[in-house]
Protein backbone atom coordinates (compact mmCIF):
# COMPACT_ATOMS: atom_id res chain seq x y z
CA UNK A 1 91.85 30.13 75.68
CA UNK A 2 87.94 29.84 74.22
CA UNK A 3 87.56 30.66 70.72
CA UNK A 4 85.63 34.00 71.20
CA UNK A 5 88.61 35.43 73.84
CA UNK A 6 90.85 34.39 71.09
CA UNK A 7 88.49 36.33 68.27
CA UNK A 8 88.07 39.16 70.91
CA UNK A 9 91.79 39.37 71.28
CA UNK A 10 92.34 39.66 67.33
CA UNK A 11 89.87 42.18 66.91
CA UNK A 12 91.58 44.68 69.64
CA UNK A 13 94.71 44.42 67.77
CA UNK A 14 92.72 46.47 64.94
CA UNK A 15 93.15 50.06 65.23
CA UNK A 16 89.97 50.08 62.65
CA UNK A 17 87.27 47.30 61.20
CA UNK A 18 87.44 47.78 57.63
CA UNK A 19 86.00 45.32 55.77
CA UNK A 20 82.54 44.30 56.20
CA UNK A 21 83.86 40.88 57.61
CA UNK A 22 85.81 42.44 60.43
CA UNK A 23 82.46 44.19 61.12
CA UNK A 24 80.14 41.08 60.98
CA UNK A 25 83.01 39.40 63.47
CA UNK A 26 82.75 41.91 65.65
CA UNK A 27 78.60 42.48 65.81
CA UNK A 28 78.48 38.85 66.70
CA UNK A 29 81.36 39.32 69.28
CA UNK A 30 79.37 42.33 71.19
CA UNK A 31 76.35 40.35 70.95
CA UNK A 32 78.19 37.20 72.76
CA UNK A 33 79.69 39.23 75.61
CA UNK A 34 76.31 40.78 75.97
CA UNK A 35 74.85 37.60 76.41
CA UNK A 36 77.49 36.87 79.01
CA UNK A 37 75.45 39.15 81.70
CA UNK A 38 76.68 41.84 83.75
CA UNK A 39 79.71 41.04 86.28
CA UNK A 40 81.36 38.94 83.80
CA UNK A 41 82.50 40.93 81.32
CA UNK A 42 84.28 44.59 81.80
CA UNK A 43 83.14 47.45 80.52
CA UNK A 44 85.79 48.35 78.47
CA UNK A 45 85.68 45.28 76.63
CA UNK A 46 81.95 46.42 75.21
CA UNK A 47 82.53 50.23 74.70
CA UNK A 48 85.98 49.02 73.04
CA UNK A 49 83.94 46.81 70.29
CA UNK A 50 80.57 48.62 70.26
CA UNK A 51 82.72 52.04 69.31
CA UNK A 52 85.18 50.24 66.51
CA UNK A 53 81.76 48.67 65.51
CA UNK A 54 79.94 51.95 65.27
CA UNK A 55 83.43 53.72 63.39
CA UNK A 56 83.18 51.17 60.67
CA UNK A 57 79.36 51.23 60.36
CA UNK A 58 79.51 55.53 60.19
CA UNK A 59 81.57 55.36 56.94
CA UNK A 60 80.79 52.28 55.62
CA UNK A 61 77.24 52.58 55.71
CA UNK A 62 76.62 56.52 55.64
CA UNK A 63 72.84 57.71 56.76
CA UNK A 64 70.75 58.70 53.80
CA UNK A 65 69.71 62.56 53.41
CA UNK A 66 66.93 64.18 55.15
CA UNK A 67 63.30 63.90 52.95
CA UNK A 68 62.04 67.26 52.35
CA UNK A 69 58.51 67.98 54.20
CA UNK A 70 56.93 67.83 51.09
CA UNK A 71 58.14 64.41 49.61
CA UNK A 72 57.14 63.17 53.29
CA UNK A 73 53.30 64.49 52.90
CA UNK A 74 53.64 62.79 50.26
CA UNK A 75 55.06 59.59 50.41
CA UNK A 76 51.70 59.62 53.95
CA UNK A 77 49.32 60.59 51.70
CA UNK A 78 49.71 57.96 49.12
CA UNK A 79 50.47 55.26 52.47
CA UNK A 80 47.02 56.18 53.77
CA UNK A 81 45.41 56.93 50.56
CA UNK A 82 44.91 59.96 50.96
CA UNK A 83 43.74 63.12 48.30
CA UNK A 84 44.26 66.74 48.22
CA UNK A 85 40.80 67.14 49.16
CA UNK A 86 40.97 64.70 52.41
CA UNK A 87 43.70 67.43 53.78
CA UNK A 88 42.05 69.78 52.96
CA UNK A 89 40.89 71.49 56.38
CA UNK A 90 44.21 70.77 58.09
CA UNK A 91 46.46 72.96 55.07
CA UNK A 92 43.28 75.56 54.29
CA UNK A 93 42.34 74.50 51.12
CA UNK A 94 43.15 71.92 48.29
CA UNK A 95 44.96 74.41 46.42
CA UNK A 96 47.26 74.81 49.26
CA UNK A 97 48.53 70.88 48.90
CA UNK A 98 48.98 71.09 45.73
CA UNK A 99 51.28 74.19 46.31
CA UNK A 100 52.96 72.36 48.93
CA UNK A 101 53.58 69.20 47.46
CA UNK A 102 54.48 71.19 43.58
CA UNK A 103 57.10 72.81 46.14
CA UNK A 104 55.41 76.54 45.15
CA UNK A 105 55.02 77.03 49.52
CA UNK A 106 56.39 75.48 52.54
CA UNK A 107 54.55 73.93 54.89
CA UNK A 108 53.58 76.88 57.77
CA UNK A 109 53.95 75.83 61.50
CA UNK A 110 50.14 75.62 61.89
CA UNK A 111 49.98 73.69 59.32
CA UNK A 112 53.21 71.26 60.46
CA UNK A 113 51.13 71.45 63.62
CA UNK A 114 47.99 70.07 61.95
CA UNK A 115 50.13 67.03 59.94
CA UNK A 116 51.65 66.09 63.16
CA UNK A 117 48.58 65.64 64.87
CA UNK A 118 47.14 63.92 62.00
CA UNK A 119 49.47 61.70 61.60
CA UNK A 120 51.00 61.18 64.64
CA UNK A 121 54.43 62.29 63.79
CA UNK A 122 56.59 65.40 65.37
CA UNK A 123 55.37 68.43 63.65
CA UNK A 124 58.91 68.73 62.90
CA UNK A 125 59.08 66.19 60.50
CA UNK A 126 57.20 68.61 58.48
CA UNK A 127 59.75 72.03 58.67
């Protein structure tokens, strides 16, 4: 019995991965199984380990809350070194940009579409 097979057997006995070390080990095994190639590993082996890893990571590394549209816009402006005046045409004036960034006004659907085109993102990021 190879080391990978023996390790795989010990992971299979786990009901769920509970530690970072168990997760790391399972990821190594998944990578090893994936490198073996189709036809040389069972679909069940890969599916089971992927499920265990996904279950662990969902608990251990919860997704960050979604950013507010105004925060996304602010970050994009900063990253692209833009000022309110640079987006005035898209947003309907510098004061509209300021109102959105301060939270006084929401981004409209028309503005979201234009911002999406400007930054090559889905308009949904701004709604």
